[in-house]
Amino acid sequence: MAESRTRLGVSAFAICVFALTLGSNGVRNIIGWWGFLAAALALVVWGVVIFARERPERFRWYRLPSPIYWFLTLAVLSIAWSQYRLESVLGVLAQLATTLLAVVLAFVLTWHEVLRTLGTALRYLIGLSFLFELGVSLLIREPVFQNFIGPIPEEKPSKLLMWSRDLLFAGGPIQGLVASSVLFGFIGLLGLIVFGIQLRAGLVRRFAGWFWVAAAAATILLTRGATVWVALAAVLVGLALALWARRLGPERRVPLYATGGAILAAALGLVLFARDVVFGLLGKSGDMTGRLETWQKVIELAEQRPWFGWGWVSYWAPWAEPFASLDRKAGIAVMSAHNAWLDVWLQLGIVGVLAFAPIVVLGMWRAWFRAVDPPRRGFGPPLPYATSALWPFLVLVALVVQSFTESRLLIEGNWLLLILLAVKTRFDFALPHRDTEPTKLPWRRVPIASETGPVGLTR
């Protein structure tokens, strides 16, 4: 406990990474594409410097989850057969850079620091988004268009081009700094998970904790995103199952797994056979806002190259074929398949799906047992459960559920969180003990001896 060191720089780096990747649309609107690329490059360099300075002892390249290597190697190789080679090069570079940042965060931060810095970034994104929407409604009093889309046509423009629709006082849907009610609503969901865990674990003051929980809940309500509501329901079910598993203990969980399987089967049945009713209750059409049409077109295209796909690009390049003529909504080219799994099949084929699925499945599996098994130190008796052990599993549940209606899991902030949690839970399983409940620690100094973890902060 006596030895400690400054952690302010590492924490600032993590907050910047989370804010840039999760709020990428807002950053591009503020500083433009070139400014965004410069900021991303600066973060990559900063991350390499921090990693070289920290020199985490437990880091070994060969001990990273193997599926990450499979997926990235296939993405790099796909440049050779890509129909849009330049765009594939750019997409692969972005994928590698985001993965690098996730790996750096996984090794230089403890679990407690990840929770704290992610929470801080989410507070900035939610708070500034509400200030932005309030400024639009009070000062501008009309819709504001995104800055990076170029000149606005004189005829009535699509709502998809708007940064803010000036609907805060009308009850939404608001879009926040990220210019999308779906993306902003999902940020609210992540905030609800993180802020709720911090409040329940006593890591923040009660007034501040409840204020940000309310802000996250207001974000979900005012964005009116049906897919976010579905993800929230899944998170609540996952939380209930995890708490039930803690009560049962490791030896008596057969009824729990049977119940979980039944819930999953019922959910799939509702989506397949009662979709119109379910989405009608959420105020959406049964075709999920045109997604079914997009999925059909993507499937038809993927079937032309089923095994290795058309080449990796992450976000679609709407100026290149086959994306240029694939699908349009409200006169705007569609930028993704709105389903991460279909997007992987389209771009990397069945082989790509087989490489991508283990990243998700193994990450979920390890996060589940981290959430429900009692922490231990060595071979001693179990320690009290930590509330903070729940959040990686809940975040992964939200990410996976959203991946069936959005492709964000493959890019930017969602990919960063997926790789970060996949790597960190992988190393957590190799430890002789797990973290117990964290305490409120100052930003500047972290007692090294009191908080060892899968990142190996001790020297």
Protein backbone atom coordinates (compact mmCIF):
# COMPACT_ATOMS: atom_id res chain seq x y z
CA MET A 1 0.00 0.00 0.00
CA ALA A 2 2.94 2.31 0.56
CA GLU A 3 4.16 2.22 -3.04
CA SER A 4 2.04 4.14 -5.49
CA ARG A 5 2.41 6.00 -8.74
CA THR A 6 0.68 8.61 -10.84
CA ARG A 7 -2.18 7.31 -13.01
CA LEU A 8 -3.64 10.58 -14.25
CA GLY A 9 -2.07 10.29 -17.71
CA VAL A 10 -3.27 6.71 -18.20
CA SER A 11 -6.77 7.64 -17.07
CA ALA A 12 -6.86 10.68 -19.39
CA PHE A 13 -5.77 8.48 -22.30
CA ALA A 14 -8.51 5.93 -21.58
CA ILE A 15 -11.20 8.62 -21.32
CA CYS A 16 -10.10 10.13 -24.65
CA VAL A 17 -10.17 6.71 -26.35
CA PHE A 18 -13.65 5.87 -25.06
CA ALA A 19 -14.99 9.33 -25.92
CA LEU A 20 -13.50 9.36 -29.44
CA THR A 21 -14.63 5.85 -30.40
CA LEU A 22 -18.10 5.89 -28.82
CA GLY A 23 -18.78 9.49 -29.89
CA SER A 24 -17.05 9.33 -33.27
CA ASN A 25 -19.91 10.90 -35.24
CA GLY A 26 -19.98 13.91 -32.94
CA VAL A 27 -16.20 14.32 -33.11
CA ARG A 28 -16.31 14.26 -36.92
CA ASN A 29 -19.09 16.85 -36.92
CA ILE A 30 -17.06 19.16 -34.69
CA ILE A 31 -13.55 18.86 -36.14
CA GLY A 32 -14.21 17.23 -39.53
CA TRP A 33 -12.84 14.04 -41.05
CA TRP A 34 -9.25 15.20 -41.20
CA GLY A 35 -9.36 16.38 -37.60
CA PHE A 36 -10.88 13.06 -36.58
CA LEU A 37 -8.16 11.09 -38.37
CA ALA A 38 -5.48 13.26 -36.77
CA ALA A 39 -7.00 12.70 -33.31
CA ALA A 40 -7.22 8.94 -33.92
CA LEU A 41 -3.58 8.80 -35.04
CA ALA A 42 -2.51 10.83 -32.01
CA LEU A 43 -4.32 8.39 -29.71
CA VAL A 44 -2.62 5.41 -31.35
CA VAL A 45 0.81 7.01 -30.85
CA TRP A 46 -0.11 7.98 -27.27
CA GLY A 47 -1.24 4.42 -26.60
CA VAL A 48 2.01 2.93 -27.90
CA VAL A 49 4.01 5.35 -25.70
CA ILE A 50 1.95 4.48 -22.61
CA PHE A 51 2.25 0.76 -23.30
CA ALA A 52 6.03 1.04 -23.71
CA ARG A 53 6.28 3.01 -20.48
CA GLU A 54 4.03 0.72 -18.43
CA ARG A 55 5.59 -2.53 -19.75
CA PRO A 56 2.90 -4.83 -18.29
CA GLU A 57 4.62 -8.02 -17.21
CA ARG A 58 1.73 -10.34 -18.01
CA PHE A 59 1.53 -9.26 -21.64
CA ARG A 60 2.35 -11.88 -24.25
CA TRP A 61 1.19 -11.57 -27.85
CA TYR A 62 0.64 -15.31 -28.12
CA ARG A 63 -1.68 -15.30 -25.10
CA LEU A 64 -4.28 -13.00 -26.66
CA PRO A 65 -7.51 -14.79 -27.62
CA SER A 66 -6.76 -16.76 -30.79
CA PRO A 67 -10.03 -15.84 -32.60
CA ILE A 68 -8.91 -12.20 -32.66
CA TYR A 69 -5.86 -13.24 -34.68
CA TRP A 70 -7.99 -15.42 -36.97
CA PHE A 71 -10.41 -12.60 -37.71
CA LEU A 72 -7.79 -9.89 -38.25
CA THR A 73 -5.61 -12.15 -40.38
CA LEU A 74 -8.56 -12.98 -42.61
CA ALA A 75 -9.43 -9.27 -42.90
CA VAL A 76 -5.85 -8.48 -43.99
CA LEU A 77 -5.78 -11.35 -46.48
CA SER A 78 -9.13 -10.27 -47.93
CA ILE A 79 -7.41 -7.24 -49.46
CA ALA A 80 -6.05 -9.66 -52.09
CA TRP A 81 -9.51 -10.62 -53.39
CA SER A 82 -11.39 -7.44 -52.49
CA GLN A 83 -13.44 -5.71 -55.18
CA TYR A 84 -12.63 -2.33 -53.57
CA ARG A 85 -8.96 -2.72 -52.66
CA LEU A 86 -8.17 0.84 -51.53
CA GLU A 87 -11.26 0.93 -49.30
CA SER A 88 -10.29 -2.46 -47.87
CA VAL A 89 -6.82 -1.19 -46.99
CA LEU A 90 -8.34 1.77 -45.14
CA GLY A 91 -10.90 -0.45 -43.40
CA VAL A 92 -8.24 -2.94 -42.28
CA LEU A 93 -6.00 -0.15 -40.95
CA ALA A 94 -8.91 1.26 -38.94
CA GLN A 95 -9.69 -2.23 -37.59
CA LEU A 96 -6.08 -2.84 -36.56
CA ALA A 97 -5.77 0.59 -34.93
CA THR A 98 -8.97 0.13 -32.90
CA THR A 99 -7.84 -3.34 -31.85
CA LEU A 100 -4.46 -1.95 -30.78
CA LEU A 101 -6.14 0.67 -28.59
CA ALA A 102 -8.35 -2.01 -27.01
CA VAL A 103 -5.36 -4.23 -26.22
CA VAL A 104 -3.45 -1.31 -24.70
CA LEU A 105 -6.40 -0.43 -22.46
CA ALA A 106 -6.81 -4.07 -21.44
CA PHE A 107 -3.24 -4.28 -20.19
CA VAL A 108 -2.54 -0.85 -18.73
CA LEU A 109 -5.84 -0.48 -16.83
CA THR A 110 -7.20 -2.49 -13.94
CA TRP A 111 -10.85 -3.57 -14.03
CA HIS A 112 -11.65 -0.76 -11.63
CA GLU A 113 -9.96 1.83 -13.84
CA VAL A 114 -11.79 0.60 -16.94
CA LEU A 115 -15.11 1.04 -15.14
CA ARG A 116 -14.19 4.49 -13.89
CA THR A 117 -12.79 5.88 -17.15
CA LEU A 118 -15.59 4.40 -19.23
CA GLY A 119 -18.10 5.97 -16.85
CA THR A 120 -16.37 9.36 -17.13
CA ALA A 121 -16.39 9.23 -20.95
CA LEU A 122 -20.08 8.28 -20.98
CA ARG A 123 -20.87 11.21 -18.66
CA TYR A 124 -19.14 13.60 -21.05
CA LEU A 125 -20.99 12.18 -24.06
CA ILE A 126 -24.41 12.22 -22.41
CA GLY A 127 -23.96 15.57 -20.67
CA LEU A 128 -22.59 17.39 -23.72
CA SER A 129 -25.27 15.82 -25.92
CA PHE A 130 -28.04 17.20 -23.73
CA LEU A 131 -26.35 20.61 -23.68
CA PHE A 132 -26.11 20.46 -27.48
CA GLU A 133 -29.79 19.55 -27.89
CA LEU A 134 -30.77 22.25 -25.38
CA GLY A 135 -28.72 24.84 -27.27
CA VAL A 136 -30.36 23.88 -30.55
CA SER A 137 -33.85 24.12 -29.05
CA LEU A 138 -33.26 27.42 -27.22
CA LEU A 139 -30.94 29.31 -29.57
CA ILE A 140 -31.18 27.93 -33.10
CA ARG A 141 -34.79 26.65 -32.96
CA GLU A 142 -34.55 24.61 -36.15
CA PRO A 143 -32.86 21.40 -37.30
CA VAL A 144 -29.07 21.41 -37.58
CA PHE A 145 -27.37 19.37 -40.30
CA GLN A 146 -24.23 17.31 -40.00
CA ASN A 147 -21.09 19.20 -40.95
CA PHE A 148 -19.26 16.39 -42.74
CA ILE A 149 -21.93 15.62 -45.36
CA GLY A 150 -21.28 18.59 -47.64
CA PRO A 151 -23.82 21.08 -49.06
CA ILE A 152 -27.48 20.44 -48.20
CA PRO A 153 -29.76 20.12 -51.24
CA GLU A 154 -32.38 22.84 -51.68
CA GLU A 155 -35.29 20.38 -51.72
CA LYS A 156 -36.52 18.86 -48.49
CA PRO A 157 -33.50 16.94 -47.13
CA SER A 158 -33.63 13.54 -45.49
CA LYS A 159 -33.83 13.32 -41.70
CA LEU A 160 -30.78 11.04 -41.90
CA LEU A 161 -28.69 14.12 -42.76
CA MET A 162 -29.64 15.97 -39.57
CA TRP A 163 -27.31 16.39 -36.62
CA SER A 164 -30.19 17.52 -34.41
CA ARG A 165 -33.87 17.57 -35.34
CA ASP A 166 -34.75 20.15 -32.63
CA LEU A 167 -37.11 17.77 -30.84
CA LEU A 168 -35.90 18.00 -27.24
CA PHE A 169 -38.95 19.91 -26.01
CA ALA A 170 -41.23 17.77 -28.18
CA GLY A 171 -40.14 14.64 -26.35
CA GLY A 172 -37.76 13.36 -29.01
CA PRO A 173 -36.43 11.44 -30.69
CA ILE A 174 -33.23 13.32 -29.92
CA GLN A 175 -29.91 12.42 -31.53
CA GLY A 176 -27.28 14.03 -29.31
CA LEU A 177 -23.77 14.76 -30.46
CA VAL A 178 -23.59 11.43 -32.32
CA ALA A 179 -26.33 12.51 -34.77
CA SER A 180 -28.30 9.29 -34.37
CA SER A 181 -31.08 8.39 -31.96
CA VAL A 182 -30.05 4.72 -32.18
CA LEU A 183 -26.41 5.41 -31.31
CA PHE A 184 -27.26 7.94 -28.60
CA GLY A 185 -29.82 5.59 -27.09
CA PHE A 186 -27.23 2.82 -26.92
CA ILE A 187 -24.79 5.20 -25.21
CA GLY A 188 -27.59 5.82 -22.71
CA LEU A 189 -27.93 2.07 -22.18
CA LEU A 190 -24.19 1.69 -21.57
CA GLY A 191 -24.41 4.61 -19.18
CA LEU A 192 -27.32 3.04 -17.32
CA ILE A 193 -25.28 -0.15 -16.80
CA VAL A 194 -22.06 1.59 -15.76
CA PHE A 195 -23.65 4.32 -13.61
CA GLY A 196 -25.96 1.80 -11.92
CA ILE A 197 -23.03 -0.47 -11.04
CA GLN A 198 -20.99 2.44 -9.72
CA LEU A 199 -23.90 3.65 -7.60
CA ARG A 200 -24.69 0.20 -6.21
CA ALA A 201 -21.01 -0.48 -5.43
CA GLY A 202 -20.64 2.84 -3.61
CA LEU A 203 -18.00 4.15 -6.02
CA VAL A 204 -19.70 7.53 -6.49
CA ARG A 205 -21.59 9.92 -4.25
CA ARG A 206 -25.26 9.05 -4.06
CA PHE A 207 -26.54 12.36 -5.45
CA ALA A 208 -24.14 12.29 -8.41
CA GLY A 209 -24.82 8.59 -8.94
CA TRP A 210 -28.60 8.98 -9.06
CA PHE A 211 -28.30 12.11 -11.25
CA TRP A 212 -26.37 10.23 -13.95
CA VAL A 213 -28.58 7.16 -13.71
CA ALA A 214 -31.55 9.49 -14.33
CA ALA A 215 -29.69 11.15 -17.23
CA ALA A 216 -28.99 7.76 -18.82
CA ALA A 217 -32.62 6.71 -18.38
CA ALA A 218 -33.77 10.01 -19.91
CA THR A 219 -31.48 9.35 -22.87
CA ILE A 220 -33.16 6.00 -23.52
CA LEU A 221 -36.63 7.51 -23.15
CA LEU A 222 -35.98 10.52 -25.38
CA THR A 223 -34.23 8.60 -28.17
CA ARG A 224 -37.21 6.25 -28.55
CA GLY A 225 -35.11 3.46 -29.99
CA ALA A 226 -36.98 0.14 -30.25
CA THR A 227 -33.73 -1.80 -30.61
CA VAL A 228 -32.36 -0.12 -27.48
CA TRP A 229 -35.48 -1.12 -25.55
CA VAL A 230 -34.98 -4.72 -26.67
CA ALA A 231 -31.32 -4.58 -25.58
CA LEU A 232 -32.38 -3.08 -22.23
CA ALA A 233 -34.83 -5.94 -21.70
CA ALA A 234 -32.07 -8.44 -22.46
CA VAL A 235 -29.74 -6.71 -20.00
CA LEU A 236 -32.38 -6.88 -17.26
CA VAL A 237 -32.94 -10.58 -17.95
CA GLY A 238 -29.18 -11.16 -17.90
CA LEU A 239 -28.89 -9.30 -14.60
CA ALA A 240 -31.69 -11.36 -13.06
CA LEU A 241 -30.08 -14.62 -14.21
CA ALA A 242 -26.66 -13.57 -12.88
CA LEU A 243 -28.06 -12.67 -9.47
CA TRP A 244 -29.97 -15.95 -9.38
CA ALA A 245 -26.79 -17.85 -10.30
CA ARG A 246 -24.98 -16.20 -7.40
CA ARG A 247 -27.65 -17.44 -5.00
CA LEU A 248 -27.58 -20.97 -6.38
CA GLY A 249 -23.83 -21.42 -6.36
CA PRO A 250 -21.75 -23.27 -8.99
CA GLU A 251 -23.21 -26.74 -8.28
CA ARG A 252 -26.95 -26.07 -8.54
CA ARG A 253 -27.39 -24.07 -11.76
CA VAL A 254 -29.12 -26.61 -14.01
CA PRO A 255 -32.59 -25.04 -13.45
CA LEU A 256 -31.11 -21.62 -14.19
CA TYR A 257 -29.61 -22.71 -17.50
CA ALA A 258 -32.88 -24.41 -18.45
CA THR A 259 -34.75 -21.19 -17.67
CA GLY A 260 -32.24 -19.14 -19.67
CA GLY A 261 -32.63 -21.47 -22.65
CA ALA A 262 -36.42 -21.23 -22.44
CA ILE A 263 -36.26 -17.42 -22.34
CA LEU A 264 -33.96 -17.38 -25.37
CA ALA A 265 -36.24 -19.73 -27.29
CA ALA A 266 -39.28 -17.62 -26.40
CA ALA A 267 -37.50 -14.45 -27.54
CA LEU A 268 -36.57 -16.04 -30.87
CA GLY A 269 -40.15 -17.24 -31.30
CA LEU A 270 -41.52 -13.75 -30.74
CA VAL A 271 -39.10 -12.26 -33.26
CA LEU A 272 -39.84 -14.91 -35.89
CA PHE A 273 -43.61 -15.34 -35.48
CA ALA A 274 -44.93 -12.27 -33.65
CA ARG A 275 -42.61 -9.58 -34.91
CA ASP A 276 -45.39 -7.20 -35.98
CA VAL A 277 -46.99 -7.33 -32.53
CA VAL A 278 -43.72 -6.92 -30.60
CA PHE A 279 -42.41 -3.99 -32.64
CA GLY A 280 -45.90 -2.50 -32.87
CA LEU A 281 -45.91 -2.20 -29.08
CA LEU A 282 -42.66 -0.25 -29.40
CA GLY A 283 -44.09 2.01 -32.07
CA LYS A 284 -42.11 0.48 -34.93
CA SER A 285 -43.05 -1.40 -38.08
CA GLY A 286 -42.70 -5.15 -38.37
CA ASP A 287 -39.96 -4.80 -41.01
CA MET A 288 -37.83 -3.01 -38.36
CA THR A 289 -37.61 0.28 -40.25
CA GLY A 290 -36.70 -1.31 -43.56
CA ARG A 291 -34.04 -3.62 -42.18
CA LEU A 292 -35.68 -6.75 -43.58
CA GLU A 293 -35.36 -5.40 -47.11
CA THR A 294 -31.70 -4.52 -46.51
CA TRP A 295 -31.01 -7.97 -45.04
CA GLN A 296 -32.54 -9.68 -48.05
CA LYS A 297 -30.34 -7.71 -50.44
CA VAL A 298 -27.25 -8.41 -48.34
CA ILE A 299 -28.02 -12.14 -48.25
CA GLU A 300 -28.45 -12.24 -52.03
CA LEU A 301 -25.11 -10.53 -52.50
CA ALA A 302 -23.32 -12.66 -49.90
CA GLU A 303 -24.54 -15.84 -51.58
CA GLN A 304 -22.52 -14.89 -54.66
CA ARG A 305 -19.31 -15.24 -52.63
CA PRO A 306 -20.37 -17.34 -49.66
CA TRP A 307 -17.06 -18.62 -48.27
CA PHE A 308 -14.64 -15.66 -48.22
CA GLY A 309 -16.86 -12.69 -49.00
CA TRP A 310 -16.23 -9.55 -51.01
CA GLY A 311 -13.39 -8.14 -48.89
CA TRP A 312 -13.23 -6.35 -45.57
CA VAL A 313 -14.22 -2.68 -45.40
CA SER A 314 -16.08 -2.35 -42.03
CA TYR A 315 -18.32 0.69 -42.80
CA TRP A 316 -19.54 0.37 -46.37
CA ALA A 317 -18.01 2.59 -49.05
CA PRO A 318 -21.16 3.88 -50.81
CA TRP A 319 -19.18 5.14 -53.82
CA ALA A 320 -17.77 1.67 -54.60
CA GLU A 321 -19.53 -1.36 -56.04
CA PRO A 322 -21.30 -3.48 -54.99
CA PHE A 323 -22.31 -1.05 -52.18
CA ALA A 324 -23.14 1.85 -54.49
CA SER A 325 -26.14 0.04 -55.96
CA LEU A 326 -26.98 -2.24 -53.02
CA ASP A 327 -29.52 -0.27 -51.00
CA ARG A 328 -30.77 3.25 -50.30
CA LYS A 329 -33.09 4.61 -47.63
CA ALA A 330 -34.79 8.00 -47.99
CA GLY A 331 -32.45 8.78 -50.87
CA ILE A 332 -29.31 8.10 -48.77
CA ALA A 333 -26.93 5.22 -49.42
CA VAL A 334 -27.05 2.62 -46.64
CA MET A 335 -23.73 2.38 -44.81
CA SER A 336 -24.04 -1.08 -43.24
CA ALA A 337 -26.11 -4.27 -43.25
CA HIS A 338 -27.70 -3.27 -39.91
CA ASN A 339 -26.65 -6.70 -38.67
CA ALA A 340 -23.06 -7.41 -37.65
CA TRP A 341 -23.31 -11.11 -38.50
CA LEU A 342 -24.63 -10.51 -41.99
CA ASP A 343 -21.97 -7.85 -42.51
CA VAL A 344 -19.22 -10.32 -41.57
CA TRP A 345 -20.71 -12.90 -43.94
CA LEU A 346 -20.92 -10.33 -46.74
CA GLN A 347 -17.35 -9.09 -46.28
CA LEU A 348 -15.45 -12.18 -45.07
CA GLY A 349 -17.82 -15.03 -45.88
CA ILE A 350 -18.68 -18.07 -43.81
CA VAL A 351 -15.03 -18.42 -42.82
CA GLY A 352 -15.18 -14.90 -41.39
CA VAL A 353 -18.29 -15.71 -39.37
CA LEU A 354 -16.54 -18.81 -37.98
CA ALA A 355 -13.60 -16.61 -36.92
CA PHE A 356 -15.77 -13.82 -35.50
CA ALA A 357 -18.25 -15.93 -33.50
CA PRO A 358 -15.67 -17.32 -31.01
CA ILE A 359 -14.61 -13.78 -30.07
CA VAL A 360 -18.17 -13.08 -28.98
CA VAL A 361 -19.05 -16.49 -27.53
CA LEU A 362 -15.86 -16.96 -25.50
CA GLY A 363 -15.98 -13.37 -24.25
CA MET A 364 -19.58 -13.86 -23.08
CA TRP A 365 -18.74 -17.22 -21.49
CA ARG A 366 -15.80 -15.84 -19.49
CA ALA A 367 -17.66 -12.66 -18.50
CA TRP A 368 -20.58 -14.79 -17.27
CA PHE A 369 -18.44 -16.83 -14.91
CA ARG A 370 -16.60 -13.74 -13.74
CA ALA A 371 -19.99 -12.27 -12.85
CA VAL A 372 -21.50 -15.31 -11.10
CA ASP A 373 -18.60 -17.20 -9.47
CA PRO A 374 -17.38 -16.00 -6.05
CA PRO A 375 -13.95 -14.34 -6.08
CA ARG A 376 -11.10 -16.19 -4.40
CA ARG A 377 -7.55 -15.49 -3.33
CA GLY A 378 -5.38 -18.50 -3.95
CA PHE A 379 -6.89 -21.60 -2.38
CA GLY A 380 -8.61 -19.70 0.44
CA PRO A 381 -12.36 -19.52 1.06
CA PRO A 382 -14.61 -17.54 -1.31
CA LEU A 383 -14.69 -13.77 -0.81
CA PRO A 384 -17.86 -11.63 -0.88
CA TYR A 385 -19.37 -11.05 -4.30
CA ALA A 386 -18.45 -7.78 -5.99
CA THR A 387 -21.19 -5.74 -7.66
CA SER A 388 -18.58 -4.42 -10.08
CA ALA A 389 -17.97 -7.94 -11.43
CA LEU A 390 -21.35 -7.79 -13.19
CA TRP A 391 -20.77 -4.95 -15.62
CA PRO A 392 -18.59 -6.73 -18.26
CA PHE A 393 -21.26 -9.40 -18.73
CA LEU A 394 -24.09 -6.87 -18.92
CA VAL A 395 -22.21 -4.71 -21.43
CA LEU A 396 -21.52 -7.74 -23.62
CA VAL A 397 -25.20 -8.70 -23.49
CA ALA A 398 -26.11 -5.22 -24.73
CA LEU A 399 -23.46 -5.34 -27.47
CA VAL A 400 -24.51 -8.77 -28.73
CA VAL A 401 -28.24 -8.00 -28.75
CA GLN A 402 -27.63 -4.77 -30.66
CA SER A 403 -25.45 -6.67 -33.17
CA PHE A 404 -28.57 -8.30 -34.64
CA THR A 405 -30.06 -4.95 -35.72
CA GLU A 406 -26.91 -2.80 -36.10
CA SER A 407 -23.39 -3.43 -37.38
CA ARG A 408 -21.69 -1.20 -34.80
CA LEU A 409 -20.14 -4.23 -33.07
CA LEU A 410 -17.61 -4.34 -35.93
CA ILE A 411 -16.37 -0.76 -35.70
CA GLU A 412 -15.20 2.02 -33.42
CA GLY A 413 -16.47 2.04 -29.83
CA ASN A 414 -18.38 -1.23 -29.88
CA TRP A 415 -15.47 -3.16 -31.42
CA LEU A 416 -13.16 -1.52 -28.87
CA LEU A 417 -15.36 -2.69 -25.98
CA LEU A 418 -15.71 -6.19 -27.44
CA ILE A 419 -11.95 -6.69 -27.85
CA LEU A 420 -11.16 -5.01 -24.52
CA LEU A 421 -13.52 -7.32 -22.63
CA ALA A 422 -12.52 -10.40 -24.63
CA VAL A 423 -8.83 -9.83 -23.82
CA LYS A 424 -9.35 -8.83 -20.21
CA THR A 425 -11.66 -11.74 -19.35
CA ARG A 426 -9.19 -14.11 -21.06
CA PHE A 427 -6.38 -13.05 -18.75
CA ASP A 428 -8.72 -12.92 -15.75
CA PHE A 429 -9.22 -16.69 -16.05
CA ALA A 430 -5.47 -17.25 -15.76
CA LEU A 431 -5.21 -15.45 -12.42
CA PRO A 432 -5.05 -17.24 -9.08
CA HIS A 433 -7.57 -14.74 -7.68
CA ARG A 434 -10.25 -12.29 -8.79
CA ASP A 435 -10.80 -8.66 -7.85
CA THR A 436 -13.05 -7.95 -4.90
CA GLU A 437 -15.26 -4.89 -4.57
CA PRO A 438 -13.27 -1.74 -5.44
CA THR A 439 -13.18 1.31 -3.25
CA LYS A 440 -13.27 4.96 -4.21
CA LEU A 441 -9.69 5.71 -5.27
CA PRO A 442 -8.23 9.10 -6.24
CA TRP A 443 -7.57 9.79 -9.90
CA ARG A 444 -3.92 10.56 -9.49
CA ARG A 445 -2.59 7.66 -7.43
CA VAL A 446 -3.49 3.98 -7.26
CA PRO A 447 -1.98 1.76 -4.55
CA ILE A 448 -0.16 -0.84 -6.60
CA ALA A 449 -0.11 -3.63 -4.04
CA SER A 450 -3.85 -3.37 -3.33
CA GLU A 451 -5.13 -3.76 -6.88
CA THR A 452 -3.35 -6.34 -8.93
CA GLY A 453 -5.35 -7.82 -11.75
CA PRO A 454 -5.22 -9.31 -15.20
CA VAL A 455 -3.19 -6.37 -16.44
CA GLY A 456 -0.31 -7.03 -14.06
CA LEU A 457 0.25 -3.53 -12.63
CA THR A 458 2.74 -4.74 -10.06
CA ARG A 459 6.36 -4.73 -11.05
